[in-house]
């Protein structure tokens, strides 16, 4: 099920790139300003996610992406100005359908019938692999730790989450040794910014540990390239390696907000 959802999202990304390029060519090359219509439907969300991934933490609490949908409605109105059932109208309608379908899939990814809830209390006993490929697990020193599970390396919200964590470490609001970041498959290149500051970055290549936690999504990556993924989650392990807080995201676009956990993160300082 997740493979089908991820495949559609990858297809939408490719279609967005193609239609945006085609619309720009028609707009600039033939002076047809109404080709702004499909551009306003296909482009904003794709460009916004690219901005989220590459540059800054542009986020909306509204899962419906209200600013993007507003631009899509403006594009639809422009297409209707022609009053004709031509390629302009059908391209815009297809974009609007894909946008609505994308937001629906990305905002309501409930657990499938084959997904277990997992047992978070098993977390202190589970094993992972560090950046060197060696076995890694939570130490038994009794110190509290924050564990953040990332959806995938290509997900814009994963990148935003990493920037938020890096900011907390840079401002000395969170000790690097108390933070553990867990990725599926492999460590992304942008995780080096965290590793260089002493943050523990681990992977679960086979998914055995994350599967026991109910987070493993085989073939469920939402990026343009197929791969495994995790349902985003946050755990706080307190003294005696007891899991004091466990929160799993309802979908992979909006991971658990660390700001909402600020009162619990104070115990990690």
Protein backbone atom coordinates (compact mmCIF):
# COMPACT_ATOMS: atom_id res chain seq x y z
CA UNK A 1 0.00 0.00 0.00
CA UNK A 2 2.75 2.44 0.92
CA UNK A 3 4.67 1.48 -2.21
CA UNK A 4 1.68 2.53 -4.32
CA UNK A 5 1.37 5.82 -2.44
CA UNK A 6 5.07 6.54 -2.76
CA UNK A 7 4.98 5.66 -6.47
CA UNK A 8 2.17 8.16 -7.06
CA UNK A 9 4.07 10.88 -5.21
CA UNK A 10 7.18 10.23 -7.29
CA UNK A 11 5.05 10.33 -10.44
CA UNK A 12 3.47 13.60 -9.32
CA UNK A 13 6.91 15.13 -8.83
CA UNK A 14 8.02 14.15 -12.33
CA UNK A 15 4.76 15.35 -13.87
CA UNK A 16 5.04 18.65 -12.01
CA UNK A 17 8.51 19.22 -13.39
CA UNK A 18 7.44 18.37 -16.95
CA UNK A 19 4.23 20.42 -16.93
CA UNK A 20 5.93 23.43 -15.33
CA UNK A 21 8.66 23.37 -17.96
CA UNK A 22 6.15 22.93 -20.77
CA UNK A 23 3.94 25.74 -19.44
CA UNK A 24 6.89 28.10 -19.19
CA UNK A 25 7.87 27.28 -22.77
CA UNK A 26 4.33 28.01 -24.00
CA UNK A 27 4.15 31.16 -21.90
CA UNK A 28 7.51 32.62 -22.88
CA UNK A 29 7.77 31.25 -26.41
CA UNK A 30 4.23 31.94 -27.63
CA UNK A 31 3.17 34.87 -25.42
CA UNK A 32 0.13 32.92 -24.17
CA UNK A 33 -0.25 34.36 -20.69
CA UNK A 34 -3.15 32.05 -19.82
CA UNK A 35 -0.65 29.21 -19.62
CA UNK A 36 -0.03 30.61 -16.17
CA UNK A 37 -3.04 28.50 -15.16
CA UNK A 38 -1.40 25.03 -15.16
CA UNK A 39 1.78 26.63 -13.87
CA UNK A 40 -0.07 27.90 -10.79
CA UNK A 41 -1.59 24.46 -10.18
CA UNK A 42 1.41 22.23 -10.81
CA UNK A 43 4.27 24.42 -9.60
CA UNK A 44 3.80 25.91 -6.10
CA UNK A 45 3.76 22.75 -3.98
CA UNK A 46 6.65 21.22 -5.89
CA UNK A 47 8.72 24.41 -5.60
CA UNK A 48 7.74 24.87 -1.95
CA UNK A 49 8.91 21.36 -1.07
CA UNK A 50 12.17 21.98 -2.97
CA UNK A 51 12.64 25.14 -0.87
CA UNK A 52 11.90 23.18 2.30
CA UNK A 53 14.44 20.54 1.41
CA UNK A 54 17.28 22.75 0.16
CA UNK A 55 17.12 26.07 1.97
CA UNK A 56 14.80 26.87 4.83
CA UNK A 57 12.06 25.58 7.11
CA UNK A 58 8.99 26.85 5.33
CA UNK A 59 6.15 25.02 7.07
CA UNK A 60 2.39 25.31 7.34
CA UNK A 61 0.48 23.91 10.26
CA UNK A 62 -2.49 23.48 7.93
CA UNK A 63 -2.20 20.03 6.37
CA UNK A 64 -4.32 21.19 3.45
CA UNK A 65 -1.56 23.59 2.33
CA UNK A 66 -3.93 26.56 2.17
CA UNK A 67 -1.54 28.95 0.30
CA UNK A 68 -0.83 26.31 -2.35
CA UNK A 69 -4.52 25.50 -2.78
CA UNK A 70 -5.32 29.21 -3.11
CA UNK A 71 -2.88 29.51 -6.02
CA UNK A 72 -4.40 26.38 -7.58
CA UNK A 73 -7.85 27.96 -7.45
CA UNK A 74 -6.51 31.11 -9.10
CA UNK A 75 -5.00 28.95 -11.83
CA UNK A 76 -8.32 27.16 -12.30
CA UNK A 77 -10.10 30.51 -12.64
CA UNK A 78 -7.62 31.61 -15.30
CA UNK A 79 -8.24 28.42 -17.27
CA UNK A 80 -11.99 28.99 -17.13
CA UNK A 81 -11.51 32.47 -18.61
CA UNK A 82 -10.97 30.91 -22.02
CA UNK A 83 -14.41 29.33 -21.95
CA UNK A 84 -13.13 26.49 -24.12
CA UNK A 85 -12.50 22.81 -23.49
CA UNK A 86 -9.00 22.78 -24.80
CA UNK A 87 -5.60 21.51 -23.67
CA UNK A 88 -5.25 24.41 -21.24
CA UNK A 89 -8.37 23.40 -19.34
CA UNK A 90 -7.61 19.66 -19.25
CA UNK A 91 -4.03 20.22 -18.12
CA UNK A 92 -5.20 22.47 -15.32
CA UNK A 93 -7.95 20.05 -14.27
CA UNK A 94 -5.44 17.18 -14.21
CA UNK A 95 -3.11 19.25 -12.04
CA UNK A 96 -5.91 20.15 -9.64
CA UNK A 97 -6.92 16.48 -9.34
CA UNK A 98 -3.31 15.39 -8.72
CA UNK A 99 -2.84 18.15 -6.13
CA UNK A 100 -5.99 17.17 -4.21
CA UNK A 101 -5.08 13.50 -4.39
CA UNK A 102 -1.52 14.20 -3.23
CA UNK A 103 -2.64 16.25 -0.24
CA UNK A 104 -5.20 13.58 0.67
CA UNK A 105 -2.60 10.81 0.56
CA UNK A 106 0.09 12.78 2.34
CA UNK A 107 -2.20 14.08 5.07
CA UNK A 108 -4.10 10.92 5.98
CA UNK A 109 -1.65 8.04 5.94
CA UNK A 110 -3.28 5.93 8.59
CA UNK A 111 -1.77 2.62 9.53
CA UNK A 112 -2.47 -0.22 7.13
CA UNK A 113 -3.88 -3.58 8.13
CA UNK A 114 -0.40 -5.13 8.03
CA UNK A 115 1.23 -2.46 10.20
CA UNK A 116 1.61 -3.25 13.87
CA UNK A 117 1.65 -0.60 16.58
CA UNK A 118 4.92 -1.99 17.89
CA UNK A 119 6.23 -1.95 21.43
CA UNK A 120 8.20 1.23 22.26
CA UNK A 121 9.34 -0.22 25.60
CA UNK A 122 11.60 -2.53 23.57
CA UNK A 123 13.55 0.48 22.28
CA UNK A 124 16.43 0.32 24.84
CA UNK A 125 17.08 -3.30 23.81
CA UNK A 126 17.13 -2.78 20.05
CA UNK A 127 20.24 -2.55 17.89
CA UNK A 128 21.13 -0.24 15.01
CA UNK A 129 24.22 0.65 12.97
CA UNK A 130 26.28 3.81 13.30
CA UNK A 131 27.95 5.88 10.56
CA UNK A 132 30.85 3.39 10.38
CA UNK A 133 28.52 0.41 10.03
CA UNK A 134 29.21 -0.84 13.56
CA UNK A 135 26.51 -2.07 15.91
CA UNK A 136 25.00 0.64 18.07
CA UNK A 137 22.41 0.71 20.84
CA UNK A 138 21.41 2.91 23.73
CA UNK A 139 24.08 2.90 26.47
CA UNK A 140 23.13 1.86 29.96
CA UNK A 141 24.59 4.92 31.69
CA UNK A 142 21.16 6.08 32.84
CA UNK A 143 21.38 9.43 31.04
CA UNK A 144 18.15 10.65 29.35
CA UNK A 145 18.15 10.73 25.55
CA UNK A 146 16.02 12.00 22.70
CA UNK A 147 15.57 9.70 19.69
CA UNK A 148 14.20 11.09 16.44
CA UNK A 149 13.14 8.73 13.64
CA UNK A 150 13.27 10.28 10.17
CA UNK A 151 10.96 9.26 7.32
CA UNK A 152 13.64 9.23 4.60
CA UNK A 153 16.59 11.24 3.34
CA UNK A 154 14.62 12.68 0.38
CA UNK A 155 11.65 13.92 2.42
CA UNK A 156 11.52 17.75 2.82
CA UNK A 157 10.08 17.50 6.32
CA UNK A 158 12.91 15.20 7.38
CA UNK A 159 15.38 17.86 6.28
CA UNK A 160 13.41 20.52 8.13
CA UNK A 161 13.40 18.38 11.24
CA UNK A 162 17.17 17.99 11.03
CA UNK A 163 17.62 21.77 10.77
CA UNK A 164 15.49 22.23 13.88
CA UNK A 165 17.62 19.72 15.79
CA UNK A 166 20.82 21.33 14.56
CA UNK A 167 19.57 24.71 15.77
CA UNK A 168 18.84 23.28 19.23
CA UNK A 169 22.36 21.83 19.41
CA UNK A 170 24.00 25.05 18.19
CA UNK A 171 22.14 27.10 20.80
CA UNK A 172 23.19 24.57 23.44
CA UNK A 173 19.57 23.79 24.26
CA UNK A 174 20.20 20.11 23.63
CA UNK A 175 23.49 18.26 24.32
CA UNK A 176 24.71 16.41 21.19
CA UNK A 177 25.40 13.25 23.18
CA UNK A 178 21.76 13.17 24.31
CA UNK A 179 20.43 13.14 20.75
CA UNK A 180 20.06 10.08 18.51
CA UNK A 181 18.85 10.35 14.91
CA UNK A 182 17.66 7.15 13.22
CA UNK A 183 17.38 6.78 9.43
CA UNK A 184 16.27 3.93 7.15
CA UNK A 185 18.70 2.32 4.68
CA UNK A 186 21.58 4.83 4.85
CA UNK A 187 22.74 8.12 6.31
CA UNK A 188 21.95 11.06 3.99
CA UNK A 189 24.66 13.55 3.12
CA UNK A 190 22.97 16.32 5.06
CA UNK A 191 23.23 14.28 8.28
CA UNK A 192 26.96 15.13 8.37
CA UNK A 193 26.07 18.52 9.86
CA UNK A 194 24.65 16.66 12.84
CA UNK A 195 27.40 14.03 13.01
CA UNK A 196 30.10 16.71 13.01
CA UNK A 197 28.59 18.18 16.19
CA UNK A 198 28.69 14.86 18.01
CA UNK A 199 25.09 13.77 17.40
CA UNK A 200 24.57 10.02 17.17
CA UNK A 201 23.28 9.17 13.68
CA UNK A 202 22.18 5.57 13.23
CA UNK A 203 20.54 3.51 10.50
CA UNK A 204 18.36 0.40 10.46
CA UNK A 205 19.18 -1.09 7.07
CA UNK A 206 17.16 -4.27 7.41
CA UNK A 207 14.36 -2.71 9.40
CA UNK A 208 14.40 -5.33 12.14
CA UNK A 209 14.45 -2.87 15.04
CA UNK A 210 12.13 -0.28 13.51
CA UNK A 211 9.78 -3.08 12.53
CA UNK A 212 9.43 -4.01 16.20
CA UNK A 213 8.57 -0.38 16.90
CA UNK A 214 5.90 -0.34 14.20
CA UNK A 215 7.75 2.29 12.12
CA UNK A 216 9.20 0.31 9.20
CA UNK A 217 7.69 1.13 5.78
CA UNK A 218 9.20 -1.15 3.15
CA UNK A 219 9.29 0.68 -0.18
CA UNK A 220 7.42 3.60 1.37
CA UNK A 221 9.85 6.48 0.67
CA UNK A 222 8.10 9.59 -0.60
CA UNK A 223 10.98 11.00 -2.65
CA UNK A 224 11.60 10.65 -6.36
CA UNK A 225 13.68 7.53 -5.83
CA UNK A 226 12.30 4.29 -4.43
CA UNK A 227 13.47 3.10 -1.06
CA UNK A 228 12.45 2.12 2.41
CA UNK A 229 11.22 4.62 4.95
CA UNK A 230 10.13 5.09 8.55
CA UNK A 231 6.99 6.58 9.98
CA UNK A 232 8.34 9.70 11.77
CA UNK A 233 8.48 9.35 15.54
CA UNK A 234 10.05 10.84 18.65
CA UNK A 235 11.05 9.03 21.83
CA UNK A 236 12.44 10.28 25.12
CA UNK A 237 14.29 7.64 27.12
CA UNK A 238 14.76 8.59 30.75
CA UNK A 239 16.82 7.15 33.59
CA UNK A 240 16.98 3.38 33.90
CA UNK A 241 16.43 3.32 30.11
CA UNK A 242 12.69 3.67 30.48
CA UNK A 243 10.74 5.13 27.56
CA UNK A 244 9.02 8.15 29.09
CA UNK A 245 7.57 9.62 25.92
CA UNK A 246 6.65 7.98 22.60
CA UNK A 247 4.93 9.84 19.77
CA UNK A 248 4.38 8.58 16.23
CA UNK A 249 3.34 10.99 13.47
CA UNK A 250 -0.07 10.56 11.88
CA UNK A 251 1.59 11.01 8.48
CA UNK A 252 5.07 11.42 7.08
CA UNK A 253 4.77 15.05 6.08
CA UNK A 254 4.51 16.51 9.56
CA UNK A 255 6.78 14.75 12.08
CA UNK A 256 6.14 15.28 15.79
CA UNK A 257 6.81 18.89 16.68
CA UNK A 258 9.76 19.37 19.03
CA UNK A 259 8.42 22.75 20.14
CA UNK A 260 5.46 20.99 21.71
CA UNK A 261 7.92 18.86 23.70
CA UNK A 262 10.02 21.77 24.99
CA UNK A 263 9.00 21.15 28.60
CA UNK A 264 10.11 17.54 28.35
CA UNK A 265 13.35 18.38 26.56
CA UNK A 266 14.53 20.45 29.54
CA UNK A 267 15.30 17.19 31.36
CA UNK A 268 17.90 16.38 28.69
CA UNK A 269 20.03 19.49 29.31
